[in-house]
Amino acid sequence: TNCILAATWLAGCSGQDQATEADYDDV
């Protein structure tokens, strides 16, 4: 289920982590 992140970027969902810029580059 897609997350809707709060403006503070502190919200998470269902055990999913926030990908970093490095993760995007690596994927």
mmCIF file of all heavy atoms, coordinates in Angstrom:
data_MODEL
# 
_entry.id   MODEL 
# 
loop_
_atom_site.group_PDB 
_atom_site.id 
_atom_site.type_symbol 
_atom_site.label_atom_id 
_atom_site.label_alt_id 
_atom_site.label_comp_id 
_atom_site.label_asym_id 
_atom_site.label_entity_id 
_atom_site.label_seq_id 
_atom_site.pdbx_PDB_ins_code 
_atom_site.Cartn_x 
_atom_site.Cartn_y 
_atom_site.Cartn_z 
_atom_site.occupancy 
_atom_site.B_iso_or_equiv 
_atom_site.pdbx_formal_charge 
_atom_site.auth_seq_id 
_atom_site.auth_comp_id 
_atom_site.auth_asym_id 
_atom_site.auth_atom_id 
_atom_site.pdbx_PDB_model_num 
ATOM 1   N N   . THR A 1 1  ? 0.845  -1.178 0.000   1.00 0.00 ? 1  THR A N   1 
ATOM 2   C CA  . THR A 1 1  ? 0.000  0.000  0.000   1.00 0.00 ? 1  THR A CA  1 
ATOM 3   C C   . THR A 1 1  ? 0.882  1.229  0.000   1.00 0.00 ? 1  THR A C   1 
ATOM 4   O O   . THR A 1 1  ? 1.775  1.356  0.819   1.00 0.00 ? 1  THR A O   1 
ATOM 5   C CB  . THR A 1 1  ? -0.897 0.025  1.249   1.00 0.00 ? 1  THR A CB  1 
ATOM 6   O OG1 . THR A 1 1  ? -1.668 -1.169 1.272   1.00 0.00 ? 1  THR A OG1 1 
ATOM 7   C CG2 . THR A 1 1  ? -1.819 1.233  1.216   1.00 0.00 ? 1  THR A CG2 1 
ATOM 8   N N   . ASN A 1 2  ? 0.676  2.152  -0.948  1.00 0.00 ? 2  ASN A N   1 
ATOM 9   C CA  . ASN A 1 2  ? 1.506  3.351  -1.045  1.00 0.00 ? 2  ASN A CA  1 
ATOM 10  C C   . ASN A 1 2  ? 1.345  4.223  0.198   1.00 0.00 ? 2  ASN A C   1 
ATOM 11  O O   . ASN A 1 2  ? 0.274  4.382  0.754   1.00 0.00 ? 2  ASN A O   1 
ATOM 12  C CB  . ASN A 1 2  ? 1.125  4.174  -2.276  1.00 0.00 ? 2  ASN A CB  1 
ATOM 13  C CG  . ASN A 1 2  ? 1.519  3.475  -3.550  1.00 0.00 ? 2  ASN A CG  1 
ATOM 14  O OD1 . ASN A 1 2  ? 2.479  2.719  -3.546  1.00 0.00 ? 2  ASN A OD1 1 
ATOM 15  N ND2 . ASN A 1 2  ? 0.811  3.746  -4.621  1.00 0.00 ? 2  ASN A ND2 1 
ATOM 16  N N   . CYS A 1 3  ? 2.455  4.818  0.620   1.00 0.00 ? 3  CYS A N   1 
ATOM 17  C CA  . CYS A 1 3  ? 2.436  5.758  1.741   1.00 0.00 ? 3  CYS A CA  1 
ATOM 18  C C   . CYS A 1 3  ? 2.102  7.149  1.237   1.00 0.00 ? 3  CYS A C   1 
ATOM 19  O O   . CYS A 1 3  ? 2.469  7.515  0.142   1.00 0.00 ? 3  CYS A O   1 
ATOM 20  C CB  . CYS A 1 3  ? 3.812  5.825  2.398   1.00 0.00 ? 3  CYS A CB  1 
ATOM 21  S SG  . CYS A 1 3  ? 4.322  4.309  3.191   1.00 0.00 ? 3  CYS A SG  1 
ATOM 22  N N   . ILE A 1 4  ? 1.417  7.910  2.068   1.00 0.00 ? 4  ILE A N   1 
ATOM 23  C CA  . ILE A 1 4  ? 1.272  9.334  1.841   1.00 0.00 ? 4  ILE A CA  1 
ATOM 24  C C   . ILE A 1 4  ? 2.080  10.011 2.942   1.00 0.00 ? 4  ILE A C   1 
ATOM 25  O O   . ILE A 1 4  ? 1.690  10.025 4.101   1.00 0.00 ? 4  ILE A O   1 
ATOM 26  C CB  . ILE A 1 4  ? -0.193 9.777  1.889   1.00 0.00 ? 4  ILE A CB  1 
ATOM 27  C CG1 . ILE A 1 4  ? -0.992 9.023  0.829   1.00 0.00 ? 4  ILE A CG1 1 
ATOM 28  C CG2 . ILE A 1 4  ? -0.306 11.288 1.690   1.00 0.00 ? 4  ILE A CG2 1 
ATOM 29  C CD1 . ILE A 1 4  ? -2.469 9.350  0.866   1.00 0.00 ? 4  ILE A CD1 1 
ATOM 30  N N   . LEU A 1 5  ? 3.257  10.558 2.585   1.00 0.00 ? 5  LEU A N   1 
ATOM 31  C CA  . LEU A 1 5  ? 4.151  11.099 3.591   1.00 0.00 ? 5  LEU A CA  1 
ATOM 32  C C   . LEU A 1 5  ? 3.663  12.458 4.058   1.00 0.00 ? 5  LEU A C   1 
ATOM 33  O O   . LEU A 1 5  ? 3.250  13.293 3.265   1.00 0.00 ? 5  LEU A O   1 
ATOM 34  C CB  . LEU A 1 5  ? 5.568  11.237 3.015   1.00 0.00 ? 5  LEU A CB  1 
ATOM 35  C CG  . LEU A 1 5  ? 6.257  9.916  2.665   1.00 0.00 ? 5  LEU A CG  1 
ATOM 36  C CD1 . LEU A 1 5  ? 7.609  10.211 2.046   1.00 0.00 ? 5  LEU A CD1 1 
ATOM 37  C CD2 . LEU A 1 5  ? 6.424  9.059  3.893   1.00 0.00 ? 5  LEU A CD2 1 
ATOM 38  N N   . ALA A 1 6  ? 3.733  12.701 5.352   1.00 0.00 ? 6  ALA A N   1 
ATOM 39  C CA  . ALA A 1 6  ? 3.378  14.004 5.906   1.00 0.00 ? 6  ALA A CA  1 
ATOM 40  C C   . ALA A 1 6  ? 4.427  15.025 5.509   1.00 0.00 ? 6  ALA A C   1 
ATOM 41  O O   . ALA A 1 6  ? 5.535  14.689 5.100   1.00 0.00 ? 6  ALA A O   1 
ATOM 42  C CB  . ALA A 1 6  ? 3.305  13.916 7.436   1.00 0.00 ? 6  ALA A CB  1 
ATOM 43  N N   . ALA A 1 7  ? 4.072  16.291 5.624   1.00 0.00 ? 7  ALA A N   1 
ATOM 44  C CA  . ALA A 1 7  ? 4.990  17.351 5.216   1.00 0.00 ? 7  ALA A CA  1 
ATOM 45  C C   . ALA A 1 7  ? 6.283  17.306 6.000   1.00 0.00 ? 7  ALA A C   1 
ATOM 46  O O   . ALA A 1 7  ? 7.331  17.750 5.536   1.00 0.00 ? 7  ALA A O   1 
ATOM 47  C CB  . ALA A 1 7  ? 4.323  18.711 5.389   1.00 0.00 ? 7  ALA A CB  1 
ATOM 48  N N   . THR A 1 8  ? 6.245  16.764 7.200   1.00 0.00 ? 8  THR A N   1 
ATOM 49  C CA  . THR A 1 8  ? 7.442  16.690 8.029   1.00 0.00 ? 8  THR A CA  1 
ATOM 50  C C   . THR A 1 8  ? 8.328  15.519 7.629   1.00 0.00 ? 8  THR A C   1 
ATOM 51  O O   . THR A 1 8  ? 9.429  15.380 8.149   1.00 0.00 ? 8  THR A O   1 
ATOM 52  C CB  . THR A 1 8  ? 7.060  16.518 9.499   1.00 0.00 ? 8  THR A CB  1 
ATOM 53  O OG1 . THR A 1 8  ? 6.284  15.333 9.637   1.00 0.00 ? 8  THR A OG1 1 
ATOM 54  C CG2 . THR A 1 8  ? 6.253  17.713 9.992   1.00 0.00 ? 8  THR A CG2 1 
ATOM 55  N N   . TRP A 1 9  ? 7.878  14.658 6.720   1.00 0.00 ? 9  TRP A N   1 
ATOM 56  C CA  . TRP A 1 9  ? 8.601  13.458 6.276   1.00 0.00 ? 9  TRP A CA  1 
ATOM 57  C C   . TRP A 1 9  ? 8.829  12.479 7.427   1.00 0.00 ? 9  TRP A C   1 
ATOM 58  O O   . TRP A 1 9  ? 9.719  11.649 7.374   1.00 0.00 ? 9  TRP A O   1 
ATOM 59  C CB  . TRP A 1 9  ? 9.961  13.825 5.645   1.00 0.00 ? 9  TRP A CB  1 
ATOM 60  C CG  . TRP A 1 9  ? 9.809  14.530 4.360   1.00 0.00 ? 9  TRP A CG  1 
ATOM 61  C CD1 . TRP A 1 9  ? 9.693  15.858 4.156   1.00 0.00 ? 9  TRP A CD1 1 
ATOM 62  C CD2 . TRP A 1 9  ? 9.732  13.933 3.057   1.00 0.00 ? 9  TRP A CD2 1 
ATOM 63  N NE1 . TRP A 1 9  ? 9.536  16.136 2.820   1.00 0.00 ? 9  TRP A NE1 1 
ATOM 64  C CE2 . TRP A 1 9  ? 9.568  14.972 2.122   1.00 0.00 ? 9  TRP A CE2 1 
ATOM 65  C CE3 . TRP A 1 9  ? 9.778  12.603 2.595   1.00 0.00 ? 9  TRP A CE3 1 
ATOM 66  C CZ2 . TRP A 1 9  ? 9.437  14.750 0.772   1.00 0.00 ? 9  TRP A CZ2 1 
ATOM 67  C CZ3 . TRP A 1 9  ? 9.681  12.377 1.232   1.00 0.00 ? 9  TRP A CZ3 1 
ATOM 68  C CH2 . TRP A 1 9  ? 9.502  13.447 0.341   1.00 0.00 ? 9  TRP A CH2 1 
ATOM 69  N N   . LEU A 1 10 ? 7.983  12.556 8.459   1.00 0.00 ? 10 LEU A N   1 
ATOM 70  C CA  . LEU A 1 10 ? 8.159  11.654 9.587   1.00 0.00 ? 10 LEU A CA  1 
ATOM 71  C C   . LEU A 1 10 ? 7.224  10.466 9.545   1.00 0.00 ? 10 LEU A C   1 
ATOM 72  O O   . LEU A 1 10 ? 7.369  9.542  10.324  1.00 0.00 ? 10 LEU A O   1 
ATOM 73  C CB  . LEU A 1 10 ? 7.938  12.427 10.896  1.00 0.00 ? 10 LEU A CB  1 
ATOM 74  C CG  . LEU A 1 10 ? 8.943  13.554 11.183  1.00 0.00 ? 10 LEU A CG  1 
ATOM 75  C CD1 . LEU A 1 10 ? 8.561  14.268 12.476  1.00 0.00 ? 10 LEU A CD1 1 
ATOM 76  C CD2 . LEU A 1 10 ? 10.355 13.004 11.259  1.00 0.00 ? 10 LEU A CD2 1 
ATOM 77  N N   . ALA A 1 11 ? 6.262  10.499 8.637   1.00 0.00 ? 11 ALA A N   1 
ATOM 78  C CA  . ALA A 1 11 ? 5.279  9.415  8.598   1.00 0.00 ? 11 ALA A CA  1 
ATOM 79  C C   . ALA A 1 11 ? 5.844  8.216  7.871   1.00 0.00 ? 11 ALA A C   1 
ATOM 80  O O   . ALA A 1 11 ? 6.601  8.325  6.942   1.00 0.00 ? 11 ALA A O   1 
ATOM 81  C CB  . ALA A 1 11 ? 4.016  9.895  7.895   1.00 0.00 ? 11 ALA A CB  1 
ATOM 82  N N   . GLY A 1 12 ? 5.428  7.019  8.294   1.00 0.00 ? 12 GLY A N   1 
ATOM 83  C CA  . GLY A 1 12 ? 5.824  5.799  7.614   1.00 0.00 ? 12 GLY A CA  1 
ATOM 84  C C   . GLY A 1 12 ? 4.613  4.927  7.445   1.00 0.00 ? 12 GLY A C   1 
ATOM 85  O O   . GLY A 1 12 ? 3.521  5.281  7.847   1.00 0.00 ? 12 GLY A O   1 
ATOM 86  N N   . CYS A 1 13 ? 4.792  3.745  6.816   1.00 0.00 ? 13 CYS A N   1 
ATOM 87  C CA  . CYS A 1 13 ? 3.649  2.851  6.699   1.00 0.00 ? 13 CYS A CA  1 
ATOM 88  C C   . CYS A 1 13 ? 4.092  1.431  6.499   1.00 0.00 ? 13 CYS A C   1 
ATOM 89  O O   . CYS A 1 13 ? 5.066  1.167  5.831   1.00 0.00 ? 13 CYS A O   1 
ATOM 90  C CB  . CYS A 1 13 ? 2.754  3.276  5.540   1.00 0.00 ? 13 CYS A CB  1 
ATOM 91  S SG  . CYS A 1 13 ? 3.413  2.928  3.914   1.00 0.00 ? 13 CYS A SG  1 
ATOM 92  N N   . SER A 1 14 ? 3.370  0.503  7.133   1.00 0.00 ? 14 SER A N   1 
ATOM 93  C CA  . SER A 1 14 ? 3.421  -0.938 6.865   1.00 0.00 ? 14 SER A CA  1 
ATOM 94  C C   . SER A 1 14 ? 4.831  -1.494 6.801   1.00 0.00 ? 14 SER A C   1 
ATOM 95  O O   . SER A 1 14 ? 5.129  -2.366 6.003   1.00 0.00 ? 14 SER A O   1 
ATOM 96  C CB  . SER A 1 14 ? 2.691  -1.237 5.548   1.00 0.00 ? 14 SER A CB  1 
ATOM 97  O OG  . SER A 1 14 ? 1.375  -0.776 5.592   1.00 0.00 ? 14 SER A OG  1 
ATOM 98  N N   . GLY A 1 15 ? 5.749  -0.987 7.625   1.00 0.00 ? 15 GLY A N   1 
ATOM 99  C CA  . GLY A 1 15 ? 7.091  -1.527 7.662   1.00 0.00 ? 15 GLY A CA  1 
ATOM 100 C C   . GLY A 1 15 ? 7.955  -1.109 6.492   1.00 0.00 ? 15 GLY A C   1 
ATOM 101 O O   . GLY A 1 15 ? 9.085  -1.561 6.368   1.00 0.00 ? 15 GLY A O   1 
ATOM 102 N N   . GLN A 1 16 ? 7.468  -0.243 5.600   1.00 0.00 ? 16 GLN A N   1 
ATOM 103 C CA  . GLN A 1 16 ? 8.249  0.205  4.459   1.00 0.00 ? 16 GLN A CA  1 
ATOM 104 C C   . GLN A 1 16 ? 9.146  1.368  4.860   1.00 0.00 ? 16 GLN A C   1 
ATOM 105 O O   . GLN A 1 16 ? 8.740  2.263  5.607   1.00 0.00 ? 16 GLN A O   1 
ATOM 106 C CB  . GLN A 1 16 ? 7.329  0.629  3.311   1.00 0.00 ? 16 GLN A CB  1 
ATOM 107 C CG  . GLN A 1 16 ? 6.530  -0.512 2.720   1.00 0.00 ? 16 GLN A CG  1 
ATOM 108 C CD  . GLN A 1 16 ? 7.419  -1.567 2.089   1.00 0.00 ? 16 GLN A CD  1 
ATOM 109 O OE1 . GLN A 1 16 ? 8.232  -1.280 1.210   1.00 0.00 ? 16 GLN A OE1 1 
ATOM 110 N NE2 . GLN A 1 16 ? 7.272  -2.798 2.531   1.00 0.00 ? 16 GLN A NE2 1 
ATOM 111 N N   . ASP A 1 17 ? 10.384 1.370  4.368   1.00 0.00 ? 17 ASP A N   1 
ATOM 112 C CA  . ASP A 1 17 ? 11.339 2.419  4.671   1.00 0.00 ? 17 ASP A CA  1 
ATOM 113 C C   . ASP A 1 17 ? 11.366 3.450  3.552   1.00 0.00 ? 17 ASP A C   1 
ATOM 114 O O   . ASP A 1 17 ? 10.952 3.174  2.425   1.00 0.00 ? 17 ASP A O   1 
ATOM 115 C CB  . ASP A 1 17 ? 12.736 1.817  4.853   1.00 0.00 ? 17 ASP A CB  1 
ATOM 116 C CG  . ASP A 1 17 ? 12.776 0.782  5.966   1.00 0.00 ? 17 ASP A CG  1 
ATOM 117 O OD1 . ASP A 1 17 ? 12.573 1.183  7.119   1.00 0.00 ? 17 ASP A OD1 1 
ATOM 118 O OD2 . ASP A 1 17 ? 12.993 -0.402 5.674   1.00 0.00 ? 17 ASP A OD2 1 
ATOM 119 N N   . GLN A 1 18 ? 11.874 4.628  3.866   1.00 0.00 ? 18 GLN A N   1 
ATOM 120 C CA  . GLN A 1 18 ? 12.007 5.670  2.865   1.00 0.00 ? 18 GLN A CA  1 
ATOM 121 C C   . GLN A 1 18 ? 13.312 5.479  2.117   1.00 0.00 ? 18 GLN A C   1 
ATOM 122 O O   . GLN A 1 18 ? 14.393 5.447  2.707   1.00 0.00 ? 18 GLN A O   1 
ATOM 123 C CB  . GLN A 1 18 ? 11.982 7.060  3.527   1.00 0.00 ? 18 GLN A CB  1 
ATOM 124 C CG  . GLN A 1 18 ? 12.100 8.209  2.555   1.00 0.00 ? 18 GLN A CG  1 
ATOM 125 C CD  . GLN A 1 18 ? 10.866 8.323  1.664   1.00 0.00 ? 18 GLN A CD  1 
ATOM 126 O OE1 . GLN A 1 18 ? 9.780  7.924  2.078   1.00 0.00 ? 18 GLN A OE1 1 
ATOM 127 N NE2 . GLN A 1 18 ? 11.043 8.847  0.463   1.00 0.00 ? 18 GLN A NE2 1 
ATOM 128 N N   . ALA A 1 19 ? 13.254 5.334  0.804   1.00 0.00 ? 19 ALA A N   1 
ATOM 129 C CA  . ALA A 1 19 ? 14.460 5.170  0.002   1.00 0.00 ? 19 ALA A CA  1 
ATOM 130 C C   . ALA A 1 19 ? 15.258 6.464  -0.012  1.00 0.00 ? 19 ALA A C   1 
ATOM 131 O O   . ALA A 1 19 ? 14.699 7.559  -0.079  1.00 0.00 ? 19 ALA A O   1 
ATOM 132 C CB  . ALA A 1 19 ? 14.087 4.773  -1.425  1.00 0.00 ? 19 ALA A CB  1 
ATOM 133 N N   . THR A 1 20 ? 16.570 6.351  0.050   1.00 0.00 ? 20 THR A N   1 
ATOM 134 C CA  . THR A 1 20 ? 17.446 7.511  -0.041  1.00 0.00 ? 20 THR A CA  1 
ATOM 135 C C   . THR A 1 20 ? 17.785 7.767  -1.510  1.00 0.00 ? 20 THR A C   1 
ATOM 136 O O   . THR A 1 20 ? 17.514 6.945  -2.395  1.00 0.00 ? 20 THR A O   1 
ATOM 137 C CB  . THR A 1 20 ? 18.749 7.270  0.729   1.00 0.00 ? 20 THR A CB  1 
ATOM 138 O OG1 . THR A 1 20 ? 19.481 6.209  0.077   1.00 0.00 ? 20 THR A OG1 1 
ATOM 139 C CG2 . THR A 1 20 ? 18.458 6.870  2.178   1.00 0.00 ? 20 THR A CG2 1 
ATOM 140 N N   . GLU A 1 21 ? 18.413 8.920  -1.767  1.00 0.00 ? 21 GLU A N   1 
ATOM 141 C CA  . GLU A 1 21 ? 18.848 9.211  -3.134  1.00 0.00 ? 21 GLU A CA  1 
ATOM 142 C C   . GLU A 1 21 ? 19.828 8.151  -3.621  1.00 0.00 ? 21 GLU A C   1 
ATOM 143 O O   . GLU A 1 21 ? 19.795 7.741  -4.784  1.00 0.00 ? 21 GLU A O   1 
ATOM 144 C CB  . GLU A 1 21 ? 19.497 10.592 -3.207  1.00 0.00 ? 21 GLU A CB  1 
ATOM 145 C CG  . GLU A 1 21 ? 19.932 10.983 -4.614  1.00 0.00 ? 21 GLU A CG  1 
ATOM 146 C CD  . GLU A 1 21 ? 20.436 12.409 -4.724  1.00 0.00 ? 21 GLU A CD  1 
ATOM 147 O OE1 . GLU A 1 21 ? 20.286 13.160 -3.742  1.00 0.00 ? 21 GLU A OE1 1 
ATOM 148 O OE2 . GLU A 1 21 ? 20.961 12.773 -5.796  1.00 0.00 ? 21 GLU A OE2 1 
ATOM 149 N N   . ALA A 1 22 ? 20.686 7.675  -2.718  1.00 0.00 ? 22 ALA A N   1 
ATOM 150 C CA  . ALA A 1 22 ? 21.625 6.614  -3.089  1.00 0.00 ? 22 ALA A CA  1 
ATOM 151 C C   . ALA A 1 22 ? 20.899 5.338  -3.479  1.00 0.00 ? 22 ALA A C   1 
ATOM 152 O O   . ALA A 1 22 ? 21.311 4.629  -4.407  1.00 0.00 ? 22 ALA A O   1 
ATOM 153 C CB  . ALA A 1 22 ? 22.583 6.342  -1.925  1.00 0.00 ? 22 ALA A CB  1 
ATOM 154 N N   . ASP A 1 23 ? 19.804 5.022  -2.789  1.00 0.00 ? 23 ASP A N   1 
ATOM 155 C CA  . ASP A 1 23 ? 19.019 3.844  -3.140  1.00 0.00 ? 23 ASP A CA  1 
ATOM 156 C C   . ASP A 1 23 ? 18.435 3.973  -4.544  1.00 0.00 ? 23 ASP A C   1 
ATOM 157 O O   . ASP A 1 23 ? 18.442 3.016  -5.322  1.00 0.00 ? 23 ASP A O   1 
ATOM 158 C CB  . ASP A 1 23 ? 17.885 3.625  -2.132  1.00 0.00 ? 23 ASP A CB  1 
ATOM 159 C CG  . ASP A 1 23 ? 18.377 3.178  -0.774  1.00 0.00 ? 23 ASP A CG  1 
ATOM 160 O OD1 . ASP A 1 23 ? 19.359 2.421  -0.719  1.00 0.00 ? 23 ASP A OD1 1 
ATOM 161 O OD2 . ASP A 1 23 ? 17.772 3.591  0.232   1.00 0.00 ? 23 ASP A OD2 1 
ATOM 162 N N   . TYR A 1 24 ? 17.917 5.160  -4.868  1.00 0.00 ? 24 TYR A N   1 
ATOM 163 C CA  . TYR A 1 24 ? 17.385 5.372  -6.224  1.00 0.00 ? 24 TYR A CA  1 
ATOM 164 C C   . TYR A 1 24 ? 18.479 5.169  -7.263  1.00 0.00 ? 24 TYR A C   1 
ATOM 165 O O   . TYR A 1 24 ? 18.259 4.510  -8.292  1.00 0.00 ? 24 TYR A O   1 
ATOM 166 C CB  . TYR A 1 24 ? 16.787 6.775  -6.349  1.00 0.00 ? 24 TYR A CB  1 
ATOM 167 C CG  . TYR A 1 24 ? 15.414 6.916  -5.743  1.00 0.00 ? 24 TYR A CG  1 
ATOM 168 C CD1 . TYR A 1 24 ? 15.240 7.507  -4.496  1.00 0.00 ? 24 TYR A CD1 1 
ATOM 169 C CD2 . TYR A 1 24 ? 14.282 6.450  -6.415  1.00 0.00 ? 24 TYR A CD2 1 
ATOM 170 C CE1 . TYR A 1 24 ? 13.978 7.625  -3.927  1.00 0.00 ? 24 TYR A CE1 1 
ATOM 171 C CE2 . TYR A 1 24 ? 13.018 6.572  -5.851  1.00 0.00 ? 24 TYR A CE2 1 
ATOM 172 C CZ  . TYR A 1 24 ? 12.870 7.159  -4.607  1.00 0.00 ? 24 TYR A CZ  1 
ATOM 173 O OH  . TYR A 1 24 ? 11.615 7.268  -4.051  1.00 0.00 ? 24 TYR A OH  1 
ATOM 174 N N   . ASP A 1 25 ? 19.661 5.721  -7.015  1.00 0.00 ? 25 ASP A N   1 
ATOM 175 C CA  . ASP A 1 25 ? 20.768 5.574  -7.959  1.00 0.00 ? 25 ASP A CA  1 
ATOM 176 C C   . ASP A 1 25 ? 21.147 4.104  -8.132  1.00 0.00 ? 25 ASP A C   1 
ATOM 177 O O   . ASP A 1 25 ? 21.389 3.626  -9.252  1.00 0.00 ? 25 ASP A O   1 
ATOM 178 C CB  . ASP A 1 25 ? 21.988 6.352  -7.474  1.00 0.00 ? 25 ASP A CB  1 
ATOM 179 C CG  . ASP A 1 25 ? 21.794 7.856  -7.510  1.00 0.00 ? 25 ASP A CG  1 
ATOM 180 O OD1 . ASP A 1 25 ? 20.847 8.324  -8.179  1.00 0.00 ? 25 ASP A OD1 1 
ATOM 181 O OD2 . ASP A 1 25 ? 22.597 8.566  -6.878  1.00 0.00 ? 25 ASP A OD2 1 
ATOM 182 N N   . ASP A 1 26 ? 21.190 3.377  -7.024  1.00 0.00 ? 26 ASP A N   1 
ATOM 183 C CA  . ASP A 1 26 ? 21.600 1.973  -7.085  1.00 0.00 ? 26 ASP A CA  1 
ATOM 184 C C   . ASP A 1 26 ? 20.563 1.109  -7.792  1.00 0.00 ? 26 ASP A C   1 
ATOM 185 O O   . ASP A 1 26 ? 20.904 0.223  -8.584  1.00 0.00 ? 26 ASP A O   1 
ATOM 186 C CB  . ASP A 1 26 ? 21.851 1.437  -5.676  1.00 0.00 ? 26 ASP A CB  1 
ATOM 187 C CG  . ASP A 1 26 ? 23.068 2.078  -5.020  1.00 0.00 ? 26 ASP A CG  1 
ATOM 188 O OD1 . ASP A 1 26 ? 23.883 2.685  -5.733  1.00 0.00 ? 26 ASP A OD1 1 
ATOM 189 O OD2 . ASP A 1 26 ? 23.189 1.971  -3.776  1.00 0.00 ? 26 ASP A OD2 1 
ATOM 190 N N   . VAL A 1 27 ? 19.281 1.345  -7.500  1.00 0.00 ? 27 VAL A N   1 
ATOM 191 C CA  . VAL A 1 27 ? 18.232 0.587  -8.178  1.00 0.00 ? 27 VAL A CA  1 
ATOM 192 C C   . VAL A 1 27 ? 18.235 0.898  -9.668  1.00 0.00 ? 27 VAL A C   1 
ATOM 193 O O   . VAL A 1 27 ? 18.063 -0.001 -10.507 1.00 0.00 ? 27 VAL A O   1 
ATOM 194 C CB  . VAL A 1 27 ? 16.853 0.884  -7.554  1.00 0.00 ? 27 VAL A CB  1 
ATOM 195 C CG1 . VAL A 1 27 ? 15.731 0.319  -8.413  1.00 0.00 ? 27 VAL A CG1 1 
ATOM 196 C CG2 . VAL A 1 27 ? 16.779 0.291  -6.148  1.00 0.00 ? 27 VAL A CG2 1 
# 
